N, C-alpha and C. Protein backbone atom coordinates (compact mmCIF):
# COMPACT_ATOMS: atom_id res chain seq x y z
N MET A 1 186.11 48.57 48.71
CA MET A 1 187.02 47.43 49.45
C MET A 1 186.12 46.39 48.50
N SER A 2 186.98 45.41 48.74
CA SER A 2 186.81 43.99 48.42
C SER A 2 186.84 43.06 49.40
N ASP A 3 185.77 42.36 49.67
CA ASP A 3 185.56 41.16 50.55
C ASP A 3 185.64 39.85 49.83
N ILE A 4 186.32 38.93 50.30
CA ILE A 4 186.46 37.53 49.92
C ILE A 4 186.29 37.10 51.14
N LYS A 5 185.31 35.75 51.55
CA LYS A 5 184.98 34.96 52.88
C LYS A 5 184.83 33.34 52.41
N SER A 6 185.52 32.93 53.33
CA SER A 6 185.41 31.40 53.27
C SER A 6 183.95 30.84 53.74
N GLN A 7 183.61 29.70 53.31
CA GLN A 7 182.55 29.26 53.63
C GLN A 7 182.73 29.16 55.32
N THR A 8 181.91 29.14 55.59
CA THR A 8 181.45 28.84 57.52
C THR A 8 181.31 27.55 57.87
N VAL A 9 182.68 27.27 58.65
CA VAL A 9 182.10 25.48 59.05
C VAL A 9 182.18 25.61 60.84
N GLU A 10 180.98 24.50 60.80
CA GLU A 10 181.15 24.13 62.38
C GLU A 10 181.92 23.43 63.09
N ILE A 11 182.74 23.54 63.98
CA ILE A 11 184.13 22.79 64.68
C ILE A 11 183.52 22.51 66.07
N ASN A 12 183.93 21.41 66.12
CA ASN A 12 183.54 20.13 67.49
C ASN A 12 184.53 20.79 68.80
N LYS A 13 184.77 22.10 68.76
CA LYS A 13 185.31 22.99 70.21
C LYS A 13 184.94 23.88 69.87
N SER A 14 184.81 24.56 71.53
CA SER A 14 184.25 25.79 72.32
C SER A 14 185.08 27.20 71.29
N GLU A 15 184.42 27.71 71.32
CA GLU A 15 184.96 29.74 70.52
C GLU A 15 186.26 29.77 71.34
N GLU A 16 186.49 29.33 72.59
CA GLU A 16 187.26 29.87 73.55
C GLU A 16 188.71 28.97 72.96
N GLU A 17 188.45 27.39 72.54
CA GLU A 17 189.36 26.72 72.57
C GLU A 17 190.14 27.17 70.79
N ILE A 18 189.24 27.35 69.63
CA ILE A 18 189.41 28.11 68.41
C ILE A 18 190.25 29.65 69.00
N PHE A 19 189.73 30.59 69.16
CA PHE A 19 190.23 31.69 69.69
C PHE A 19 191.64 31.81 70.24
N ASN A 20 192.05 30.40 71.04
CA ASN A 20 193.00 30.82 71.32
C ASN A 20 194.35 29.86 70.69
N PHE A 21 193.81 29.04 69.39
CA PHE A 21 194.67 28.25 68.57
C PHE A 21 195.06 29.57 67.52
N ILE A 22 193.87 30.33 67.05
CA ILE A 22 194.36 31.12 66.12
C ILE A 22 195.11 32.73 66.32
N SER A 23 194.75 32.70 67.60
CA SER A 23 195.71 33.94 68.53
C SER A 23 196.78 33.87 68.17
N ASP A 24 197.63 32.54 68.24
CA ASP A 24 199.00 32.49 67.96
C ASP A 24 199.63 31.76 67.02
N PHE A 25 200.05 32.88 65.73
CA PHE A 25 200.73 32.06 64.55
C PHE A 25 201.28 30.77 64.55
N THR A 26 202.28 30.46 65.77
CA THR A 26 202.97 28.81 66.14
C THR A 26 201.88 27.91 65.53
N ASN A 27 200.72 28.28 65.75
CA ASN A 27 199.89 26.88 65.55
C ASN A 27 199.51 26.86 64.24
N PHE A 28 199.76 27.59 63.22
CA PHE A 28 198.99 27.86 62.05
C PHE A 28 199.87 27.12 60.84
N SER A 29 201.15 26.60 61.55
CA SER A 29 201.58 25.66 60.45
C SER A 29 201.14 24.44 60.26
N THR A 30 200.33 23.83 61.18
CA THR A 30 199.05 22.42 60.72
C THR A 30 197.75 22.78 60.12
N LEU A 31 197.83 24.12 59.68
CA LEU A 31 196.56 24.50 59.02
C LEU A 31 197.03 24.84 57.57
N PHE A 32 198.12 25.41 57.23
CA PHE A 32 198.62 25.65 55.62
C PHE A 32 198.96 24.23 55.20
N PRO A 33 198.50 24.47 53.84
CA PRO A 33 198.55 23.36 52.64
C PRO A 33 200.36 23.23 52.60
N PRO A 34 200.76 22.33 51.68
CA PRO A 34 201.64 22.24 51.14
C PRO A 34 202.27 23.01 50.35
N GLN A 35 202.23 23.81 49.71
CA GLN A 35 202.34 24.87 48.52
C GLN A 35 202.61 25.99 49.59
N VAL A 36 202.78 25.97 50.38
CA VAL A 36 203.00 26.98 51.36
C VAL A 36 204.39 26.80 51.77
N LYS A 37 205.28 28.12 51.28
CA LYS A 37 206.82 27.98 51.56
C LYS A 37 207.40 29.04 52.36
N ASP A 38 208.70 28.65 52.42
CA ASP A 38 209.57 29.71 53.34
C ASP A 38 209.07 30.08 54.65
N LEU A 39 208.42 29.62 55.33
CA LEU A 39 207.21 29.98 56.48
C LEU A 39 208.42 30.10 57.52
N LYS A 40 207.91 31.34 57.94
CA LYS A 40 208.72 31.91 58.96
C LYS A 40 207.57 32.01 60.44
N ILE A 41 207.78 31.95 61.60
CA ILE A 41 206.77 31.93 62.60
C ILE A 41 206.54 32.60 63.88
N THR A 42 206.44 33.45 64.59
CA THR A 42 206.40 33.96 65.90
C THR A 42 205.01 34.19 66.17
N ARG A 43 204.73 34.06 67.25
CA ARG A 43 203.35 34.12 68.12
C ARG A 43 202.50 35.51 67.22
N ASP A 44 203.09 36.56 67.20
CA ASP A 44 202.47 37.38 66.49
C ASP A 44 202.54 37.82 65.34
N ASN A 45 203.57 37.44 64.22
CA ASN A 45 204.06 37.56 63.11
C ASN A 45 204.09 36.40 62.38
N CYS A 46 203.89 36.43 60.78
CA CYS A 46 204.57 35.61 60.01
C CYS A 46 204.19 35.78 58.96
N SER A 47 205.41 35.04 57.99
CA SER A 47 205.78 35.29 56.33
C SER A 47 205.51 34.07 55.93
N PHE A 48 205.20 34.09 54.43
CA PHE A 48 205.22 32.90 53.77
C PHE A 48 204.67 33.20 52.69
N SER A 49 205.26 32.18 52.06
CA SER A 49 204.80 32.25 50.17
C SER A 49 204.23 30.85 49.67
N ILE A 50 203.69 31.71 48.67
CA ILE A 50 202.77 30.25 47.98
C ILE A 50 203.13 30.03 46.47
N ASP A 51 203.47 29.05 46.03
CA ASP A 51 204.00 28.43 44.56
C ASP A 51 203.47 29.78 43.86
N GLY A 52 203.73 30.69 43.31
CA GLY A 52 203.29 31.34 42.08
C GLY A 52 202.80 32.75 42.57
N MET A 53 202.94 33.20 43.62
CA MET A 53 202.49 34.51 44.62
C MET A 53 203.32 35.03 45.37
N PRO A 54 203.56 36.39 45.37
CA PRO A 54 204.64 36.78 46.26
C PRO A 54 204.56 36.55 47.64
N ASN A 55 205.54 36.87 48.26
CA ASN A 55 205.81 36.80 49.57
C ASN A 55 204.49 37.57 50.57
N VAL A 56 203.98 36.60 51.47
CA VAL A 56 202.91 37.28 52.37
C VAL A 56 203.19 37.44 53.96
N SER A 57 203.30 38.40 54.11
CA SER A 57 203.91 39.46 55.63
C SER A 57 202.62 39.16 56.43
N LEU A 58 202.18 38.60 57.56
CA LEU A 58 201.13 38.70 58.36
C LEU A 58 201.53 39.47 59.89
N LYS A 59 200.75 40.48 60.44
CA LYS A 59 200.95 40.59 62.02
C LYS A 59 199.70 40.42 62.69
N ILE A 60 199.59 39.60 63.71
CA ILE A 60 198.12 39.84 64.36
C ILE A 60 197.86 41.28 64.91
N THR A 61 196.76 41.71 64.84
CA THR A 61 196.38 43.44 64.96
C THR A 61 195.48 43.38 66.13
N GLU A 62 194.50 42.64 66.31
CA GLU A 62 193.61 42.83 67.10
C GLU A 62 193.09 41.20 67.58
N ARG A 63 192.94 41.11 68.48
CA ARG A 63 192.00 39.94 69.19
C ARG A 63 191.28 40.23 70.38
N THR A 64 190.15 40.33 69.88
CA THR A 64 189.22 40.00 70.82
C THR A 64 188.38 38.91 71.22
N PRO A 65 188.76 38.57 72.24
CA PRO A 65 188.57 37.16 73.12
C PRO A 65 187.32 36.77 72.57
N TYR A 66 187.78 35.52 71.99
CA TYR A 66 186.10 34.22 71.49
C TYR A 66 185.64 34.63 70.47
N SER A 67 186.06 35.69 69.93
CA SER A 67 185.00 36.40 68.76
C SER A 67 185.67 36.78 67.12
N CYS A 68 186.81 37.02 67.56
CA CYS A 68 187.37 37.60 66.48
C CYS A 68 189.01 37.54 66.41
N VAL A 69 189.80 37.34 65.51
CA VAL A 69 191.69 37.74 65.28
C VAL A 69 191.50 38.00 63.87
N ILE A 70 191.97 39.29 64.23
CA ILE A 70 192.17 40.12 62.68
C ILE A 70 194.17 40.21 62.70
N MET A 71 194.07 40.15 61.45
CA MET A 71 195.48 40.09 60.91
C MET A 71 195.82 40.82 59.34
N SER A 72 196.68 41.56 59.83
CA SER A 72 197.03 42.43 58.63
C SER A 72 198.15 42.23 58.38
N ALA A 73 198.42 42.63 56.66
CA ALA A 73 199.23 42.78 56.06
C ALA A 73 200.65 43.49 56.67
N GLU A 74 201.89 42.93 56.75
CA GLU A 74 202.89 43.97 57.23
C GLU A 74 203.83 44.84 56.46
N ASP A 75 203.69 44.38 55.23
CA ASP A 75 204.49 44.74 54.10
C ASP A 75 204.32 46.27 53.23
N GLY A 76 202.75 46.58 53.29
CA GLY A 76 202.15 47.59 53.06
C GLY A 76 202.19 47.27 51.17
N LYS A 77 202.61 46.29 50.29
CA LYS A 77 202.69 46.14 48.91
C LYS A 77 201.16 46.52 48.74
N LEU A 78 200.23 45.48 49.47
CA LEU A 78 198.82 45.55 49.15
C LEU A 78 198.12 45.70 50.61
N PRO A 79 197.87 46.55 51.08
CA PRO A 79 197.13 46.71 52.57
C PRO A 79 196.15 45.82 52.27
N PHE A 80 195.80 44.83 53.04
CA PHE A 80 195.14 44.00 53.42
C PHE A 80 194.37 43.45 54.98
N GLU A 81 193.57 43.06 55.07
CA GLU A 81 193.16 42.47 56.58
C GLU A 81 192.58 40.86 56.22
N LEU A 82 193.19 40.11 57.12
CA LEU A 82 192.35 38.86 57.09
C LEU A 82 191.70 38.60 58.48
N LYS A 83 190.24 38.12 58.40
CA LYS A 83 189.99 37.73 60.13
C LYS A 83 189.36 36.31 60.19
N CYS A 84 189.60 36.13 61.52
CA CYS A 84 188.76 34.78 61.77
C CYS A 84 187.71 35.20 62.77
N CYS A 85 186.40 35.45 62.09
CA CYS A 85 185.45 35.66 63.05
C CYS A 85 184.49 34.07 63.83
N LEU A 86 184.31 34.06 64.95
CA LEU A 86 183.75 32.58 65.45
C LEU A 86 182.47 33.39 66.25
N GLU A 87 181.83 32.08 66.14
CA GLU A 87 180.60 32.43 66.69
C GLU A 87 179.97 30.78 67.68
N LYS A 88 179.72 31.39 68.86
CA LYS A 88 179.14 30.34 69.53
C LYS A 88 177.98 29.49 69.28
N VAL A 89 178.36 27.99 69.01
CA VAL A 89 177.02 27.63 69.18
C VAL A 89 176.25 26.88 70.00
N ASP A 90 177.24 26.27 70.67
CA ASP A 90 176.92 25.63 72.07
C ASP A 90 178.01 25.81 72.78
N GLU A 91 178.34 25.04 74.22
CA GLU A 91 179.41 25.07 74.87
C GLU A 91 180.43 24.04 74.50
N GLU A 92 180.16 23.20 73.43
CA GLU A 92 181.19 22.14 72.81
C GLU A 92 181.11 22.60 71.43
N LYS A 93 180.32 23.44 70.75
CA LYS A 93 180.84 24.13 69.01
C LYS A 93 180.82 25.43 68.83
N CYS A 94 181.49 25.72 67.75
CA CYS A 94 181.46 27.10 67.28
C CYS A 94 181.58 27.05 66.22
N GLN A 95 181.35 27.60 65.03
CA GLN A 95 181.19 28.29 63.82
C GLN A 95 182.66 29.20 63.40
N ALA A 96 183.17 28.80 62.51
CA ALA A 96 184.29 30.13 62.19
C ALA A 96 183.84 30.31 60.39
N GLN A 97 184.80 31.41 60.47
CA GLN A 97 185.09 32.07 58.88
C GLN A 97 185.74 32.83 58.81
N PHE A 98 186.78 32.71 57.77
CA PHE A 98 187.81 33.80 57.30
C PHE A 98 187.10 34.58 56.40
N LEU A 99 187.65 36.08 56.41
CA LEU A 99 187.19 37.08 55.64
C LEU A 99 188.37 37.59 55.58
N PHE A 100 188.31 38.14 54.05
CA PHE A 100 189.72 38.58 53.33
C PHE A 100 188.97 40.31 52.98
N ASN A 101 189.92 41.40 53.23
CA ASN A 101 189.02 42.39 53.04
C ASN A 101 190.39 43.42 52.52
N ALA A 102 190.18 44.03 50.94
CA ALA A 102 191.12 44.97 51.04
C ALA A 102 190.55 45.41 49.29
N GLU A 103 191.65 46.67 49.08
CA GLU A 103 191.30 47.60 48.07
C GLU A 103 191.94 47.17 47.12
N LEU A 104 190.95 46.13 45.96
CA LEU A 104 191.47 45.66 44.94
C LEU A 104 190.28 46.17 44.03
N ASN A 105 191.57 46.66 42.57
CA ASN A 105 190.69 46.98 41.49
C ASN A 105 189.61 45.65 40.72
N MET A 106 189.07 45.91 40.17
CA MET A 106 188.23 44.73 39.53
C MET A 106 189.03 43.92 38.83
N MET A 107 189.79 44.02 38.16
CA MET A 107 191.12 43.17 37.21
C MET A 107 191.44 42.29 38.18
N MET A 108 191.83 42.71 39.39
CA MET A 108 192.80 41.88 40.43
C MET A 108 191.63 41.02 41.36
N LYS A 109 190.66 41.72 41.38
CA LYS A 109 189.72 40.90 42.32
C LYS A 109 189.26 39.55 41.19
N MET A 110 189.34 39.97 40.06
CA MET A 110 188.76 38.62 39.17
C MET A 110 190.08 37.61 39.31
N MET A 111 191.30 37.99 39.32
CA MET A 111 192.47 37.30 39.46
C MET A 111 192.57 36.48 40.83
N VAL A 112 192.00 37.53 41.83
CA VAL A 112 192.62 36.49 43.07
C VAL A 112 191.38 36.05 43.72
N GLU A 113 190.10 36.23 43.19
CA GLU A 113 189.22 35.81 43.94
C GLU A 113 189.28 34.54 44.18
N LYS A 114 188.90 33.96 43.00
CA LYS A 114 189.24 31.95 43.10
C LYS A 114 190.12 31.18 43.69
N PRO A 115 191.44 31.43 43.74
CA PRO A 115 192.29 31.25 44.49
C PRO A 115 192.62 31.50 46.07
N LEU A 116 191.86 32.54 46.29
CA LEU A 116 191.89 33.14 47.78
C LEU A 116 190.60 32.43 48.43
N THR A 117 189.33 32.55 47.87
CA THR A 117 188.46 31.37 48.33
C THR A 117 189.13 30.53 48.62
N ASN A 118 189.28 29.66 47.65
CA ASN A 118 189.85 28.21 47.77
C ASN A 118 190.90 28.29 49.51
N PHE A 119 191.96 28.50 49.08
CA PHE A 119 192.99 28.93 50.36
C PHE A 119 192.11 29.66 51.82
N LEU A 120 191.22 30.26 52.00
CA LEU A 120 190.55 30.84 53.04
C LEU A 120 189.61 29.31 53.15
N ASN A 121 189.02 28.75 52.23
CA ASN A 121 188.55 27.18 52.87
C ASN A 121 188.95 26.34 53.32
N LEU A 122 190.16 26.66 52.25
CA LEU A 122 191.25 25.11 53.23
C LEU A 122 191.54 25.64 54.62
N LEU A 123 192.18 26.81 54.86
CA LEU A 123 192.29 27.00 56.23
C LEU A 123 190.66 27.00 57.58
N ALA A 124 189.63 27.14 56.84
CA ALA A 124 188.32 26.88 57.75
C ALA A 124 188.38 25.49 57.53
N GLU A 125 188.60 24.50 56.90
CA GLU A 125 188.18 23.24 56.95
C GLU A 125 189.22 22.74 57.97
N LYS A 126 190.65 23.26 57.69
CA LYS A 126 191.32 22.63 58.75
C LYS A 126 191.51 22.91 59.86
N LEU A 127 190.62 24.03 60.33
CA LEU A 127 190.11 24.33 61.69
C LEU A 127 189.63 23.20 62.47
N LYS A 128 188.73 22.43 61.67
CA LYS A 128 187.72 21.34 62.12
C LYS A 128 188.56 20.33 62.57
N GLU A 129 190.10 20.27 62.09
CA GLU A 129 190.61 18.78 62.38
C GLU A 129 191.81 19.50 63.80
N ILE A 130 191.89 20.57 64.02
CA ILE A 130 192.85 20.71 65.26
C ILE A 130 192.76 19.93 66.44
N LYS A 131 193.81 20.04 67.03
CA LYS A 131 193.46 18.72 68.20
C LYS A 131 194.04 20.19 69.41
N ALA A 132 193.23 20.94 69.65
CA ALA A 132 193.37 22.15 70.34
C ALA A 132 193.18 21.58 71.63
């Protein structure tokens, strides 16, 4: 398995507020960069494409209150999980990190690691800006 992680960011919101935000894909449109195209969103499902990459379809498969939301690939072409893990800092702050996990051969990992890390870091940074 290959794990690709975002940086860990500290957010000036409680883990409950951030958990509620990321538990609903309809909130994600504010996180995605302008390169995201063909965005289709419901509470539990999301599909989109990014310039130069194939369409991605995600489904929220697990919600562990206030600590983790797990999203899984729906189309099966490349099975993967995307997790957003939260950790309480204090009553008004938490830390968040995105983790991508998939079976990638060495060549594929070398090709996707940098752009995927950048994308995950962007999502994590944008969490700091949400108005939950």
